[in-house]
Amino acid sequence: MNKLLIFLLFFPCLLFSDFPIISEGTTEIAYLDKENKEQQHITCYEKVELDFNFNYLQCLSHGHDLKKQIHFHDELHDLYSDQLRATYTHKDGELALDQLRIYGNVCLIQKEEPDQIIAFDDLQYALADQLDYDYKNEEITLRAKQGSSVLYYDQVNNYRISAPEVLLGRSEETGKPKVDGKGKVKFVFDEEEIDKFKTHFFGKGKDFGHE
């Protein structure tokens, strides 16, 4: 039976270890962003390395089991992947999440904002090979390997994008969410892409898990 190790990244940096911490088995990491009063959680079923000298957290998964992917989630996102690397900055004696990179069978589920609750819990889904999350600027870049495509689906507006790269951010003029496709962009999924969507989101998204 796998052990469960829980890291709580709530404490001042002065209390942190001077050497890397390595965990094997099931590990839960909880981080509190005191500035935004938000929590981020990471679950990993294999190796985790935490280094406070170089301000990074790394999670690895080698089994490629879609049911045991690394899972990062906060108030607005659920992210699943085979590997994860998070970098932090020091601010007022505490850690602040700076950049998050996940790769390998990346699944993204975006949820509605608390002040814009509508009838759905999950609003957008995406599949990619790599995701870079600029946490401070609220920008997400999704990338696909050569010969493949990022698949993005907005279930509310039935809006689909298939492209080598997809950027998710906010309009500087309106402050509203925006989506940009880069490279050769399609606005429809073929049958193979639909099947891929259903396979990767089975048990994750409320719609795709039941189709």
Protein backbone atom coordinates (compact mmCIF):
# COMPACT_ATOMS: atom_id res chain seq x y z
CA MET A 1 0.00 0.00 0.00
CA ASN A 2 1.39 3.41 -0.94
CA LYS A 3 2.18 5.83 1.82
CA LEU A 4 0.49 9.23 1.87
CA LEU A 5 2.78 12.18 2.54
CA ILE A 6 1.31 15.65 2.92
CA PHE A 7 3.33 18.84 2.44
CA LEU A 8 1.77 22.10 3.60
CA LEU A 9 3.55 25.04 1.95
CA PHE A 10 2.11 27.60 4.35
CA PHE A 11 5.15 28.33 6.47
CA PRO A 12 7.75 31.12 6.36
CA CYS A 13 10.75 30.34 4.18
CA LEU A 14 13.10 30.43 7.18
CA LEU A 15 11.63 27.13 8.34
CA PHE A 16 12.31 25.37 5.04
CA SER A 17 14.91 22.68 4.54
CA ASP A 18 18.37 23.49 3.13
CA PHE A 19 18.38 20.32 1.01
CA PRO A 20 15.93 18.75 -1.47
CA ILE A 21 13.07 16.71 -0.07
CA ILE A 22 12.22 13.59 -2.08
CA SER A 23 9.03 11.58 -1.64
CA GLU A 24 8.00 8.27 -3.19
CA GLY A 25 4.45 6.95 -3.30
CA THR A 26 1.28 9.04 -2.98
CA THR A 27 2.06 12.65 -2.04
CA GLU A 28 -0.33 15.54 -1.41
CA ILE A 29 0.95 19.11 -1.62
CA ALA A 30 -1.18 22.03 -0.41
CA TYR A 31 -0.15 25.64 -0.97
CA LEU A 32 -1.89 28.76 0.34
CA ASP A 33 -1.59 31.98 -1.66
CA LYS A 34 -2.16 34.47 1.15
CA GLU A 35 -2.33 37.46 -1.21
CA ASN A 36 -5.25 36.03 -3.18
CA LYS A 37 -6.61 33.87 -0.34
CA GLU A 38 -6.53 30.89 -2.69
CA GLN A 39 -5.36 27.34 -2.21
CA GLN A 40 -3.60 25.13 -4.74
CA HIS A 41 -3.39 21.36 -4.35
CA ILE A 42 -1.19 18.81 -6.09
CA THR A 43 -1.56 15.04 -5.93
CA CYS A 44 1.21 12.78 -7.25
CA TYR A 45 1.35 8.97 -7.09
CA GLU A 46 5.06 8.64 -7.82
CA LYS A 47 8.25 10.64 -7.21
CA VAL A 48 8.12 14.21 -5.87
CA GLU A 49 11.15 16.46 -5.39
CA LEU A 50 10.89 19.69 -3.43
CA ASP A 51 13.86 22.08 -3.31
CA PHE A 52 13.52 25.34 -1.36
CA ASN A 53 17.02 26.57 -2.25
CA PHE A 54 16.18 26.66 -5.96
CA ASN A 55 12.45 27.29 -5.39
CA TYR A 56 11.01 24.44 -7.41
CA LEU A 57 8.70 21.48 -7.04
CA GLN A 58 8.87 18.58 -9.49
CA CYS A 59 6.50 15.64 -9.87
CA LEU A 60 7.07 12.65 -12.14
CA SER A 61 4.78 9.90 -13.36
CA HIS A 62 6.16 7.10 -15.54
CA GLY A 63 3.22 4.71 -15.70
CA HIS A 64 1.09 6.77 -18.11
CA ASP A 65 -2.03 5.58 -16.28
CA LEU A 66 -4.72 8.17 -17.06
CA LYS A 67 -6.39 7.33 -13.74
CA LYS A 68 -3.22 8.14 -11.78
CA GLN A 69 -2.00 11.29 -13.45
CA ILE A 70 -0.52 14.17 -11.50
CA HIS A 71 -3.41 16.42 -10.51
CA PHE A 72 -3.08 20.17 -9.86
CA HIS A 73 -6.19 22.10 -8.94
CA ASP A 74 -7.10 25.52 -7.67
CA GLU A 75 -10.31 27.53 -7.56
CA LEU A 76 -10.69 27.78 -11.35
CA HIS A 77 -8.66 24.93 -12.88
CA ASP A 78 -8.16 21.20 -12.82
CA LEU A 79 -4.90 20.18 -14.55
CA TYR A 80 -3.81 16.59 -15.21
CA SER A 81 -0.47 15.48 -16.65
CA ASP A 82 2.37 12.92 -16.55
CA GLN A 83 4.96 15.44 -15.30
CA LEU A 84 4.84 18.75 -13.46
CA ARG A 85 7.34 21.44 -12.51
CA ALA A 86 6.39 24.49 -10.44
CA THR A 87 8.70 27.42 -9.66
CA TYR A 88 8.20 29.83 -6.80
CA THR A 89 9.39 33.28 -5.77
CA HIS A 90 10.09 34.58 -2.27
CA LYS A 91 7.77 37.37 -1.18
CA ASP A 92 7.72 38.81 2.34
CA GLY A 93 9.37 35.68 3.72
CA GLU A 94 6.91 33.32 2.03
CA LEU A 95 6.61 31.40 -1.24
CA ALA A 96 4.48 32.59 -4.15
CA LEU A 97 3.73 30.41 -7.17
CA ASP A 98 5.32 31.93 -10.27
CA GLN A 99 5.28 29.49 -13.20
CA LEU A 100 3.73 26.08 -13.66
CA ARG A 101 4.74 23.73 -16.49
CA ILE A 102 3.04 20.38 -17.01
CA TYR A 103 3.59 17.96 -19.87
CA GLY A 104 2.59 14.55 -21.15
CA ASN A 105 -1.12 13.83 -21.80
CA VAL A 106 -2.15 17.24 -20.49
CA CYS A 107 -5.83 17.68 -19.63
CA LEU A 108 -7.21 21.09 -18.65
CA ILE A 109 -10.64 21.80 -17.19
CA GLN A 110 -11.52 25.45 -16.58
CA LYS A 111 -14.38 26.36 -14.26
CA GLU A 112 -16.55 29.41 -13.85
CA GLU A 113 -15.41 32.28 -11.67
CA PRO A 114 -17.19 32.51 -8.28
CA ASP A 115 -18.81 35.85 -9.16
CA GLN A 116 -20.04 34.54 -12.52
CA ILE A 117 -21.76 31.30 -11.51
CA ILE A 118 -23.96 29.88 -14.25
CA ALA A 119 -25.59 26.53 -14.85
CA PHE A 120 -22.37 24.62 -15.52
CA ASP A 121 -19.50 23.69 -13.21
CA ASP A 122 -16.98 23.00 -16.00
CA LEU A 123 -16.80 25.47 -18.88
CA GLN A 124 -13.80 24.66 -21.05
CA TYR A 125 -11.74 21.55 -21.75
CA ALA A 126 -8.38 21.22 -23.49
CA LEU A 127 -5.90 18.48 -24.45
CA ALA A 128 -2.24 19.22 -25.13
CA ASP A 129 1.28 17.85 -24.84
CA GLN A 130 2.53 20.79 -22.77
CA LEU A 131 0.95 23.56 -20.71
CA ASP A 132 2.72 26.65 -19.36
CA TYR A 133 0.81 28.62 -16.74
CA ASP A 134 2.00 32.16 -15.94
CA TYR A 135 0.21 32.38 -12.62
CA LYS A 136 0.88 36.05 -11.92
CA ASN A 137 -0.45 37.22 -15.30
CA GLU A 138 -3.20 34.57 -15.55
CA GLU A 139 -1.98 33.35 -18.96
CA ILE A 140 -1.98 29.74 -20.14
CA THR A 141 -0.13 28.50 -23.22
CA LEU A 142 -1.03 25.06 -24.59
CA ARG A 143 1.30 23.37 -27.07
CA ALA A 144 1.22 20.17 -29.13
CA LYS A 145 4.04 18.02 -30.45
CA GLN A 146 4.95 18.33 -34.11
CA GLY A 147 2.30 16.61 -36.21
CA SER A 148 -0.29 16.83 -33.44
CA SER A 149 -2.77 19.49 -32.28
CA VAL A 150 -4.04 21.14 -29.13
CA LEU A 151 -7.76 20.43 -28.76
CA TYR A 152 -9.85 23.10 -27.03
CA TYR A 153 -13.59 22.88 -26.38
CA ASP A 154 -15.91 25.50 -24.86
CA GLN A 155 -19.00 23.51 -23.88
CA VAL A 156 -21.20 26.55 -23.20
CA ASN A 157 -20.76 28.10 -26.65
CA ASN A 158 -20.03 24.78 -28.43
CA TYR A 159 -16.81 26.38 -29.67
CA ARG A 160 -13.91 24.16 -30.77
CA ILE A 161 -10.30 24.84 -31.75
CA SER A 162 -7.70 22.42 -33.10
CA ALA A 163 -4.30 24.09 -33.51
CA PRO A 164 -0.56 23.56 -32.81
CA GLU A 165 -0.74 26.20 -30.04
CA VAL A 166 -3.58 27.81 -28.10
CA LEU A 167 -3.25 30.84 -25.81
CA LEU A 168 -5.70 31.49 -22.98
CA GLY A 169 -5.70 34.89 -21.31
CA ARG A 170 -7.65 38.08 -20.82
CA SER A 171 -8.28 40.99 -23.15
CA GLU A 172 -6.40 44.12 -22.08
CA GLU A 173 -9.34 46.26 -23.27
CA THR A 174 -12.27 44.42 -21.69
CA GLY A 175 -10.67 42.16 -19.08
CA LYS A 176 -12.75 39.26 -20.40
CA PRO A 177 -11.28 35.82 -21.20
CA LYS A 178 -9.90 35.36 -24.71
CA VAL A 179 -8.69 32.37 -26.72
CA ASP A 180 -6.19 32.54 -29.60
CA GLY A 181 -5.16 29.70 -31.86
CA LYS A 182 -1.69 29.76 -33.45
CA GLY A 183 -0.60 28.08 -36.67
CA LYS A 184 -2.99 26.02 -38.76
CA VAL A 185 -6.31 26.38 -36.95
CA LYS A 186 -9.46 24.28 -37.40
CA PHE A 187 -12.81 24.97 -35.75
CA VAL A 188 -14.08 21.41 -35.85
CA PHE A 189 -12.84 18.09 -34.41
CA ASP A 190 -12.57 14.99 -36.56
CA GLU A 191 -13.74 11.61 -35.28
CA GLU A 192 -10.29 10.60 -34.05
CA GLU A 193 -9.96 13.82 -32.03
CA ILE A 194 -13.39 13.32 -30.47
CA ASP A 195 -12.44 9.77 -29.42
CA LYS A 196 -9.19 11.09 -27.94
CA PHE A 197 -11.12 13.66 -25.96
CA LYS A 198 -13.47 11.06 -24.51
CA THR A 199 -10.60 8.73 -23.58
CA HIS A 200 -8.53 11.34 -21.75
CA PHE A 201 -11.41 13.01 -19.93
CA PHE A 202 -13.17 9.82 -18.87
CA GLY A 203 -13.89 10.24 -15.15
CA LYS A 204 -12.54 13.82 -15.14
CA GLY A 205 -15.04 16.03 -16.94
CA LYS A 206 -18.72 15.82 -15.99
CA ASP A 207 -19.81 15.49 -19.61
CA PHE A 208 -17.08 13.33 -21.18
CA GLY A 209 -17.03 10.85 -18.33
CA HIS A 210 -20.57 9.77 -19.15
CA GLU A 211 -20.60 9.66 -22.93
